[in-house]
PDB file of N, CA and C in Angstrom:
ATOM      1  N   UNK A   1     -11.422 -36.566  16.795  1.00  0.00           N
ATOM      2  CA  UNK A   1     -12.879 -36.776  16.350  1.00  0.00           C
ATOM      3  C   UNK A   1     -13.126 -38.520  16.700  1.00  0.00           C
ATOM      4  N   UNK A   2     -14.061 -38.951  17.539  1.00  0.00           N
ATOM      5  CA  UNK A   2     -14.396 -40.190  17.679  1.00  0.00           C
ATOM      6  C   UNK A   2     -15.886 -40.351  17.105  1.00  0.00           C
ATOM      7  N   UNK A   3     -15.938 -41.483  16.130  1.00  0.00           N
ATOM      8  CA  UNK A   3     -17.338 -41.622  15.779  1.00  0.00           C
ATOM      9  C   UNK A   3     -17.572 -43.192  15.765  1.00  0.00           C
ATOM     10  N   UNK A   4     -18.762 -43.397  15.819  1.00  0.00           N
ATOM     11  CA  UNK A   4     -19.252 -44.857  15.731  1.00  0.00           C
ATOM     12  C   UNK A   4     -20.377 -45.040  14.960  1.00  0.00           C
ATOM     13  N   UNK A   5     -20.662 -45.974  14.112  1.00  0.00           N
ATOM     14  CA  UNK A   5     -21.605 -46.186  13.158  1.00  0.00           C
ATOM     15  C   UNK A   5     -22.375 -47.581  13.371  1.00  0.00           C
ATOM     16  N   UNK A   6     -23.622 -47.632  13.164  1.00  0.00           N
ATOM     17  CA  UNK A   6     -24.361 -48.735  13.354  1.00  0.00           C
ATOM     18  C   UNK A   6     -24.259 -49.520  11.921  1.00  0.00           C
ATOM     19  N   UNK A   7     -24.055 -50.685  11.825  1.00  0.00           N
ATOM     20  CA  UNK A   7     -23.764 -51.447  10.681  1.00  0.00           C
ATOM     21  C   UNK A   7     -24.968 -52.574  10.831  1.00  0.00           C
ATOM     22  N   UNK A   8     -25.507 -52.530   9.406  1.00  0.00           N
ATOM     23  CA  UNK A   8     -26.560 -53.585   9.322  1.00  0.00           C
ATOM     24  C   UNK A   8     -25.925 -54.382   8.120  1.00  0.00           C
ATOM     25  N   UNK A   9     -26.141 -55.644   8.428  1.00  0.00           N
ATOM     26  CA  UNK A   9     -25.640 -56.776   7.723  1.00  0.00           C
ATOM     27  C   UNK A   9     -26.682 -57.408   7.057  1.00  0.00           C
ATOM     28  N   UNK A  10     -26.711 -57.298   5.679  1.00  0.00           N
ATOM     29  CA  UNK A  10     -27.875 -58.205   5.013  1.00  0.00           C
ATOM     30  C   UNK A  10     -27.402 -59.452   4.088  1.00  0.00           C
ATOM     31  N   UNK A  11     -27.854 -60.667   4.891  1.00  0.00           N
ATOM     32  CA  UNK A  11     -27.181 -61.822   4.508  1.00  0.00           C
ATOM     33  C   UNK A  11     -26.967 -61.914   2.866  1.00  0.00           C
ATOM     34  N   UNK A  12     -25.813 -62.425   2.280  1.00  0.00           N
ATOM     35  CA  UNK A  12     -25.668 -61.992   0.996  1.00  0.00           C
ATOM     36  C   UNK A  12     -25.456 -60.771   0.109  1.00  0.00           C
ATOM     37  N   UNK A  13     -25.472 -59.769   1.215  1.00  0.00           N
ATOM     38  CA  UNK A  13     -25.591 -58.506   0.558  1.00  0.00           C
ATOM     39  C   UNK A  13     -24.513 -57.619   1.349  1.00  0.00           C
ATOM     40  N   UNK A  14     -24.443 -56.287   0.999  1.00  0.00           N
ATOM     41  CA  UNK A  14     -23.427 -55.424   1.609  1.00  0.00           C
ATOM     42  C   UNK A  14     -23.751 -55.008   3.020  1.00  0.00           C
ATOM     43  N   UNK A  15     -22.639 -54.439   3.685  1.00  0.00           N
ATOM     44  CA  UNK A  15     -23.123 -53.992   5.079  1.00  0.00           C
ATOM     45  C   UNK A  15     -23.749 -52.487   4.593  1.00  0.00           C
ATOM     46  N   UNK A  16     -24.842 -52.083   5.506  1.00  0.00           N
ATOM     47  CA  UNK A  16     -25.453 -51.117   5.357  1.00  0.00           C
ATOM     48  C   UNK A  16     -25.322 -49.986   6.279  1.00  0.00           C
ATOM     49  N   UNK A  17     -25.538 -48.717   6.265  1.00  0.00           N
ATOM     50  CA  UNK A  17     -25.155 -47.770   7.348  1.00  0.00           C
ATOM     51  C   UNK A  17     -26.535 -46.700   7.153  1.00  0.00           C
ATOM     52  N   UNK A  18     -27.040 -46.672   8.379  1.00  0.00           N
ATOM     53  CA  UNK A  18     -28.296 -45.583   8.541  1.00  0.00           C
ATOM     54  C   UNK A  18     -27.731 -44.311   7.987  1.00  0.00           C
ATOM     55  N   UNK A  19     -28.770 -43.972   7.051  1.00  0.00           N
ATOM     56  CA  UNK A  19     -28.570 -42.762   6.497  1.00  0.00           C
ATOM     57  C   UNK A  19     -28.414 -41.276   7.489  1.00  0.00           C
ATOM     58  N   UNK A  20     -29.295 -41.330   8.559  1.00  0.00           N
ATOM     59  CA  UNK A  20     -29.125 -40.495   9.181  1.00  0.00           C
ATOM     60  C   UNK A  20     -27.782 -40.256  10.141  1.00  0.00           C
ATOM     61  N   UNK A  21     -27.276 -41.298  10.267  1.00  0.00           N
ATOM     62  CA  UNK A  21     -26.078 -41.673  10.828  1.00  0.00           C
ATOM     63  C   UNK A  21     -24.816 -40.981   9.896  1.00  0.00           C
ATOM     64  N   UNK A  22     -24.908 -41.212   8.795  1.00  0.00           N
ATOM     65  CA  UNK A  22     -23.991 -40.951   7.470  1.00  0.00           C
ATOM     66  C   UNK A  22     -24.085 -39.305   7.700  1.00  0.00           C
ATOM     67  N   UNK A  23     -25.146 -38.750   7.438  1.00  0.00           N
ATOM     68  CA  UNK A  23     -25.388 -37.259   7.163  1.00  0.00           C
ATOM     69  C   UNK A  23     -24.835 -36.763   8.543  1.00  0.00           C
ATOM     70  N   UNK A  24     -25.148 -37.113   9.685  1.00  0.00           N
ATOM     71  CA  UNK A  24     -24.661 -36.652  10.760  1.00  0.00           C
ATOM     72  C   UNK A  24     -23.185 -36.741  10.962  1.00  0.00           C
ATOM     73  N   UNK A  25     -22.346 -37.758  10.373  1.00  0.00           N
ATOM     74  CA  UNK A  25     -21.021 -37.912  10.209  1.00  0.00           C
ATOM     75  C   UNK A  25     -20.443 -36.684   9.421  1.00  0.00           C
ATOM     76  N   UNK A  26     -20.995 -36.601   8.455  1.00  0.00           N
ATOM     77  CA  UNK A  26     -20.390 -35.899   7.172  1.00  0.00           C
ATOM     78  C   UNK A  26     -20.705 -34.193   7.698  1.00  0.00           C
ATOM     79  N   UNK A  27     -21.693 -34.127   8.521  1.00  0.00           N
ATOM     80  CA  UNK A  27     -21.987 -32.600   9.030  1.00  0.00           C
ATOM     81  C   UNK A  27     -20.906 -32.433  10.212  1.00  0.00           C
ATOM     82  N   UNK A  28     -20.761 -33.435  10.852  1.00  0.00           N
ATOM     83  CA  UNK A  28     -19.779 -33.452  12.134  1.00  0.00           C
ATOM     84  C   UNK A  28     -18.377 -33.043  11.547  1.00  0.00           C
ATOM     85  N   UNK A  29     -17.990 -33.804  10.465  1.00  0.00           N
ATOM     86  CA  UNK A  29     -16.614 -33.480   9.933  1.00  0.00           C
ATOM     87  C   UNK A  29     -16.408 -32.239   9.538  1.00  0.00           C
ATOM     88  N   UNK A  30     -17.413 -31.939   8.734  1.00  0.00           N
ATOM     89  CA  UNK A  30     -17.358 -30.395   8.029  1.00  0.00           C
ATOM     90  C   UNK A  30     -17.265 -29.305   9.346  1.00  0.00           C
ATOM     91  N   UNK A  31     -18.108 -29.562  10.363  1.00  0.00           N
ATOM     92  CA  UNK A  31     -17.892 -28.715  11.528  1.00  0.00           C
ATOM     93  C   UNK A  31     -16.497 -28.550  12.107  1.00  0.00           C
ATOM     94  N   UNK A  32     -15.663 -29.929  11.956  1.00  0.00           N
ATOM     95  CA  UNK A  32     -14.523 -30.249  12.637  1.00  0.00           C
ATOM     96  C   UNK A  32     -13.459 -29.473  11.824  1.00  0.00           C
ATOM     97  N   UNK A  33     -13.613 -29.546  10.570  1.00  0.00           N
ATOM     98  CA  UNK A  33     -12.842 -28.824   9.647  1.00  0.00           C
ATOM     99  C   UNK A  33     -12.711 -27.447   9.633  1.00  0.00           C
ATOM    100  N   UNK A  34     -14.195 -26.795   9.809  1.00  0.00           N
ATOM    101  CA  UNK A  34     -14.219 -25.344  10.223  1.00  0.00           C
ATOM    102  C   UNK A  34     -13.318 -24.922  11.313  1.00  0.00           C
ATOM    103  N   UNK A  35     -13.647 -25.659  12.418  1.00  0.00           N
ATOM    104  CA  UNK A  35     -13.028 -25.290  13.687  1.00  0.00           C
ATOM    105  C   UNK A  35     -11.405 -25.396  13.517  1.00  0.00           C
ATOM    106  N   UNK A  36     -10.974 -26.348  12.963  1.00  0.00           N
ATOM    107  CA  UNK A  36      -9.694 -26.408  12.769  1.00  0.00           C
ATOM    108  C   UNK A  36      -8.970 -25.502  11.809  1.00  0.00           C
ATOM    109  N   UNK A  37      -9.708 -25.105  10.913  1.00  0.00           N
ATOM    110  CA  UNK A  37      -9.376 -23.935   9.851  1.00  0.00           C
ATOM    111  C   UNK A  37      -9.105 -22.576  10.705  1.00  0.00           C
ATOM    112  N   UNK A  38      -9.944 -22.421  11.670  1.00  0.00           N
ATOM    113  CA  UNK A  38     -10.049 -21.333  12.459  1.00  0.00           C
ATOM    114  C   UNK A  38      -8.907 -21.147  13.545  1.00  0.00           C
ATOM    115  N   UNK A  39      -8.275 -22.005  13.624  1.00  0.00           N
ATOM    116  CA  UNK A  39      -6.825 -22.154  14.398  1.00  0.00           C
ATOM    117  C   UNK A  39      -5.782 -21.583  13.710  1.00  0.00           C
ATOM    118  N   UNK A  40      -5.250 -20.768  14.473  1.00  0.00           N
ATOM    119  CA  UNK A  40      -4.032 -19.827  13.667  1.00  0.00           C
ATOM    120  C   UNK A  40      -2.964 -20.447  13.146  1.00  0.00           C
ATOM    121  N   UNK A  41      -2.549 -21.738  13.590  1.00  0.00           N
ATOM    122  CA  UNK A  41      -1.463 -22.518  13.162  1.00  0.00           C
ATOM    123  C   UNK A  41      -1.954 -23.903  12.398  1.00  0.00           C
ATOM    124  N   UNK A  42      -3.069 -23.784  11.831  1.00  0.00           N
ATOM    125  CA  UNK A  42      -3.566 -24.900  11.255  1.00  0.00           C
ATOM    126  C   UNK A  42      -2.825 -25.222   9.762  1.00  0.00           C
ATOM    127  N   UNK A  43      -2.445 -24.233   9.290  1.00  0.00           N
ATOM    128  CA  UNK A  43      -1.691 -24.362   7.873  1.00  0.00           C
ATOM    129  C   UNK A  43      -2.831 -24.685   6.889  1.00  0.00           C
ATOM    130  N   UNK A  44      -3.996 -24.678   7.214  1.00  0.00           N
ATOM    131  CA  UNK A  44      -5.103 -24.717   6.210  1.00  0.00           C
ATOM    132  C   UNK A  44      -5.500 -23.450   5.269  1.00  0.00           C
ATOM    133  N   UNK A  45      -5.723 -23.783   4.093  1.00  0.00           N
ATOM    134  CA  UNK A  45      -6.424 -22.554   3.491  1.00  0.00           C
ATOM    135  C   UNK A  45      -7.807 -22.268   3.603  1.00  0.00           C
ATOM    136  N   UNK A  46      -8.270 -21.296   4.161  1.00  0.00           N
ATOM    137  CA  UNK A  46      -9.626 -21.109   4.653  1.00  0.00           C
ATOM    138  C   UNK A  46     -10.387 -21.273   3.065  1.00  0.00           C
ATOM    139  N   UNK A  47      -9.901 -20.928   1.914  1.00  0.00           N
ATOM    140  CA  UNK A  47     -10.769 -21.068   0.826  1.00  0.00           C
ATOM    141  C   UNK A  47     -11.087 -22.684   0.489  1.00  0.00           C
ATOM    142  N   UNK A  48     -10.009 -23.461   0.709  1.00  0.00           N
ATOM    143  CA  UNK A  48     -10.024 -24.806   0.373  1.00  0.00           C
ATOM    144  C   UNK A  48     -10.872 -25.435   1.398  1.00  0.00           C
ATOM    145  N   UNK A  49     -10.899 -25.086   2.739  1.00  0.00           N
ATOM    146  CA  UNK A  49     -11.745 -25.928   3.853  1.00  0.00           C
ATOM    147  C   UNK A  49     -13.083 -25.339   3.460  1.00  0.00           C
ATOM    148  N   UNK A  50     -13.552 -24.158   3.041  1.00  0.00           N
ATOM    149  CA  UNK A  50     -14.889 -23.731   2.747  1.00  0.00           C
ATOM    150  C   UNK A  50     -15.296 -24.568   1.455  1.00  0.00           C
ATOM    151  N   UNK A  51     -14.473 -25.018   0.567  1.00  0.00           N
ATOM    152  CA  UNK A  51     -14.946 -25.650  -0.731  1.00  0.00           C
ATOM    153  C   UNK A  51     -15.183 -27.257  -0.123  1.00  0.00           C
ATOM    154  N   UNK A  52     -14.343 -27.634   0.732  1.00  0.00           N
ATOM    155  CA  UNK A  52     -14.487 -28.915   1.146  1.00  0.00           C
ATOM    156  C   UNK A  52     -16.044 -29.027   2.050  1.00  0.00           C
ATOM    157  N   UNK A  53     -16.010 -28.090   3.024  1.00  0.00           N
ATOM    158  CA  UNK A  53     -17.240 -28.165   3.791  1.00  0.00           C
ATOM    159  C   UNK A  53     -18.442 -27.961   2.971  1.00  0.00           C
ATOM    160  N   UNK A  54     -18.468 -27.108   1.951  1.00  0.00           N
ATOM    161  CA  UNK A  54     -19.670 -26.987   0.937  1.00  0.00           C
ATOM    162  C   UNK A  54     -19.921 -28.522   0.391  1.00  0.00           C
ATOM    163  N   UNK A  55     -18.898 -29.227  -0.123  1.00  0.00           N
ATOM    164  CA  UNK A  55     -18.973 -30.361  -0.607  1.00  0.00           C
ATOM    165  C   UNK A  55     -19.560 -31.475   0.016  1.00  0.00           C
ATOM    166  N   UNK A  56     -18.970 -31.603   1.432  1.00  0.00           N
ATOM    167  CA  UNK A  56     -19.590 -32.636   2.519  1.00  0.00           C
ATOM    168  C   UNK A  56     -21.243 -32.116   2.535  1.00  0.00           C
ATOM    169  N   UNK A  57     -21.471 -30.741   3.050  1.00  0.00           N
ATOM    170  CA  UNK A  57     -22.874 -30.512   3.254  1.00  0.00           C
ATOM    171  C   UNK A  57     -23.816 -30.833   2.163  1.00  0.00           C
ATOM    172  N   UNK A  58     -23.277 -30.517   0.925  1.00  0.00           N
ATOM    173  CA  UNK A  58     -24.228 -30.936  -0.140  1.00  0.00           C
ATOM    174  C   UNK A  58     -24.499 -32.403  -0.432  1.00  0.00           C
ATOM    175  N   UNK A  59     -23.457 -33.302  -0.310  1.00  0.00           N
ATOM    176  CA  UNK A  59     -23.681 -34.432   0.014  1.00  0.00           C
ATOM    177  C   UNK A  59     -24.759 -35.084   0.951  1.00  0.00           C
ATOM    178  N   UNK A  60     -24.428 -34.343   2.004  1.00  0.00           N
ATOM    179  CA  UNK A  60     -25.362 -34.600   3.115  1.00  0.00           C
ATOM    180  C   UNK A  60     -26.757 -34.262   2.923  1.00  0.00           C
ATOM    181  N   UNK A  61     -26.929 -33.154   2.246  1.00  0.00           N
ATOM    182  CA  UNK A  61     -28.305 -32.692   1.812  1.00  0.00           C
ATOM    183  C   UNK A  61     -28.884 -33.638   0.894  1.00  0.00           C
ATOM    184  N   UNK A  62     -28.230 -33.827  -0.115  1.00  0.00           N
ATOM    185  CA  UNK A  62     -28.874 -34.825  -1.246  1.00  0.00           C
ATOM    186  C   UNK A  62     -29.187 -36.124  -0.336  1.00  0.00           C
ATOM    187  N   UNK A  63     -28.294 -36.927   0.219  1.00  0.00           N
ATOM    188  CA  UNK A  63     -28.845 -37.905   1.004  1.00  0.00           C
ATOM    189  C   UNK A  63     -30.156 -37.673   1.760  1.00  0.00           C
ATOM    190  N   UNK A  64     -30.290 -36.545   2.652  1.00  0.00           N
ATOM    191  CA  UNK A  64     -31.436 -36.332   3.123  1.00  0.00           C
ATOM    192  C   UNK A  64     -32.837 -36.371   2.046  1.00  0.00           C
ATOM    193  N   UNK A  65     -32.380 -35.503   1.332  1.00  0.00           N
ATOM    194  CA  UNK A  65     -33.429 -35.251   0.289  1.00  0.00           C
ATOM    195  C   UNK A  65     -33.798 -36.663  -0.352  1.00  0.00           C
ATOM    196  N   UNK A  66     -32.857 -37.763  -0.890  1.00  0.00           N
ATOM    197  CA  UNK A  66     -33.385 -38.874  -1.193  1.00  0.00           C
ATOM    198  C   UNK A  66     -34.148 -39.756  -0.172  1.00  0.00           C
ATOM    199  N   UNK A  67     -33.640 -39.294   0.968  1.00  0.00           N
ATOM    200  CA  UNK A  67     -34.684 -40.105   1.942  1.00  0.00           C
ATOM    201  C   UNK A  67     -35.917 -39.815   2.427  1.00  0.00           C
ATOM    202  N   UNK A  68     -36.017 -38.453   2.170  1.00  0.00           N
ATOM    203  CA  UNK A  68     -37.309 -37.853   2.361  1.00  0.00           C
ATOM    204  C   UNK A  68     -38.310 -38.091   1.122  1.00  0.00           C
ATOM    205  N   UNK A  69     -37.532 -38.185   0.108  1.00  0.00           N
ATOM    206  CA  UNK A  69     -38.332 -38.770  -1.025  1.00  0.00           C
ATOM    207  C   UNK A  69     -38.790 -40.298  -1.135  1.00  0.00           C
ATOM    208  N   UNK A  70     -38.123 -41.004  -0.300  1.00  0.00           N
ATOM    209  CA  UNK A  70     -38.562 -42.559  -0.057  1.00  0.00           C
ATOM    210  C   UNK A  70     -39.503 -42.625   0.872  1.00  0.00           C
ATOM    211  N   UNK A  71     -39.951 -41.545   1.716  1.00  0.00           N
ATOM    212  CA  UNK A  71     -40.698 -41.842   2.895  1.00  0.00           C
ATOM    213  C   UNK A  71     -42.027 -42.052   2.284  1.00  0.00           C
ATOM    214  N   UNK A  72     -42.772 -42.825   3.286  1.00  0.00           N
ATOM    215  CA  UNK A  72     -44.197 -43.362   2.655  1.00  0.00           C
ATOM    216  C   UNK A  72     -45.048 -42.011   3.027  1.00  0.00           C
ATOM    217  N   UNK A  73     -46.150 -42.017   2.065  1.00  0.00           N
ATOM    218  CA  UNK A  73     -47.077 -41.145   2.128  1.00  0.00           C
ATOM    219  C   UNK A  73     -47.792 -41.024   3.124  1.00  0.00           C
ATOM    220  N   UNK A  74     -48.361 -39.662   3.692  1.00  0.00           N
ATOM    221  CA  UNK A  74     -49.256 -39.742   4.942  1.00  0.00           C
ATOM    222  C   UNK A  74     -51.024 -39.850   3.929  1.00  0.00           C
ATOM    223  N   UNK A  75     -51.905 -39.918   5.015  1.00  0.00           N
ATOM    224  CA  UNK A  75     -53.122 -40.133   4.285  1.00  0.00           C
ATOM    225  C   UNK A  75     -53.541 -38.862   3.484  1.00  0.00           C
ATOM    226  N   UNK A  76     -52.968 -37.878   3.467  1.00  0.00           N
ATOM    227  CA  UNK A  76     -53.111 -36.273   2.539  1.00  0.00           C
ATOM    228  C   UNK A  76     -52.228 -36.673   1.384  1.00  0.00           C
ATOM    229  N   UNK A  77     -51.487 -37.739   1.265  1.00  0.00           N
ATOM    230  CA  UNK A  77     -50.590 -37.814  -0.020  1.00  0.00           C
ATOM    231  C   UNK A  77     -49.337 -36.944   0.217  1.00  0.00           C
ATOM    232  N   UNK A  78     -49.192 -36.559   1.182  1.00  0.00           N
ATOM    233  CA  UNK A  78     -47.777 -35.912   1.380  1.00  0.00           C
ATOM    234  C   UNK A  78     -46.758 -36.847   2.191  1.00  0.00           C
ATOM    235  N   UNK A  79     -45.712 -36.685   2.012  1.00  0.00           N
ATOM    236  CA  UNK A  79     -44.472 -37.205   2.580  1.00  0.00           C
ATOM    237  C   UNK A  79     -44.659 -36.829   4.512  1.00  0.00           C
ATOM    238  N   UNK A  80     -44.748 -37.811   5.075  1.00  0.00           N
ATOM    239  CA  UNK A  80     -44.905 -37.660   6.435  1.00  0.00           C
ATOM    240  C   UNK A  80     -43.648 -37.085   6.994  1.00  0.00           C
ATOM    241  N   UNK A  81     -43.886 -35.815   7.840  1.00  0.00           N
ATOM    242  CA  UNK A  81     -42.514 -35.314   8.420  1.00  0.00           C
ATOM    243  C   UNK A  81     -41.650 -36.005   9.573  1.00  0.00           C
ATOM    244  N   UNK A  82     -42.392 -36.973   9.921  1.00  0.00           N
ATOM    245  CA  UNK A  82     -41.875 -37.925  10.975  1.00  0.00           C
ATOM    246  C   UNK A  82     -41.604 -39.337  10.645  1.00  0.00           C
ATOM    247  N   UNK A  83     -41.511 -39.735   9.345  1.00  0.00           N
ATOM    248  CA  UNK A  83     -41.203 -40.800   8.772  1.00  0.00           C
ATOM    249  C   UNK A  83     -42.490 -41.713   8.868  1.00  0.00           C
ATOM    250  N   UNK A  84     -43.571 -41.060   8.704  1.00  0.00           N
ATOM    251  CA  UNK A  84     -44.761 -42.042   9.039  1.00  0.00           C
ATOM    252  C   UNK A  84     -45.174 -42.641  10.331  1.00  0.00           C
ATOM    253  N   UNK A  85     -44.505 -42.158  11.401  1.00  0.00           N
ATOM    254  CA  UNK A  85     -44.553 -42.498  12.719  1.00  0.00           C
ATOM    255  C   UNK A  85     -45.967 -41.693  13.233  1.00  0.00           C
ATOM    256  N   UNK A  86     -46.603 -42.119  13.500  1.00  0.00           N
ATOM    257  CA  UNK A  86     -47.917 -41.404  14.397  1.00  0.00           C
ATOM    258  C   UNK A  86     -47.402 -40.532  15.673  1.00  0.00           C
ATOM    259  N   UNK A  87     -48.176 -39.318  15.967  1.00  0.00           N
ATOM    260  CA  UNK A  87     -47.555 -38.385  16.819  1.00  0.00           C
ATOM    261  C   UNK A  87     -47.884 -39.252  18.327  1.00  0.00           C
ATOM    262  N   UNK A  88     -47.366 -38.835  19.000  1.00  0.00           N
ATOM    263  CA  UNK A  88     -47.472 -39.336  20.589  1.00  0.00           C
ATOM    264  C   UNK A  88     -49.061 -38.969  20.900  1.00  0.00           C
ATOM    265  N   UNK A  89     -49.624 -39.757  21.749  1.00  0.00           N
ATOM    266  CA  UNK A  89     -50.988 -39.422  22.293  1.00  0.00           C
ATOM    267  C   UNK A  89     -50.948 -38.531  23.359  1.00  0.00           C
TER     268      UNK A  89
END
């Protein structure tokens, strides 16, 4: 599995990762584990893999929920579905 991430350097601060890339990576890793567990000779216990996949998915879902909560409100007072970006004309 190959993965690349965009790093954002904040002068005097930590390196930052875009949340959408982090959640994509977590979900990709979970999917890869499921595929590996399906192989007959993997030696992986399905129950353990399912628990790990569930944990990764839960973390990704929490990150997504936190990001949605931080989205700017639209004129109607609701979080915009598109991150506050106006629709194309």
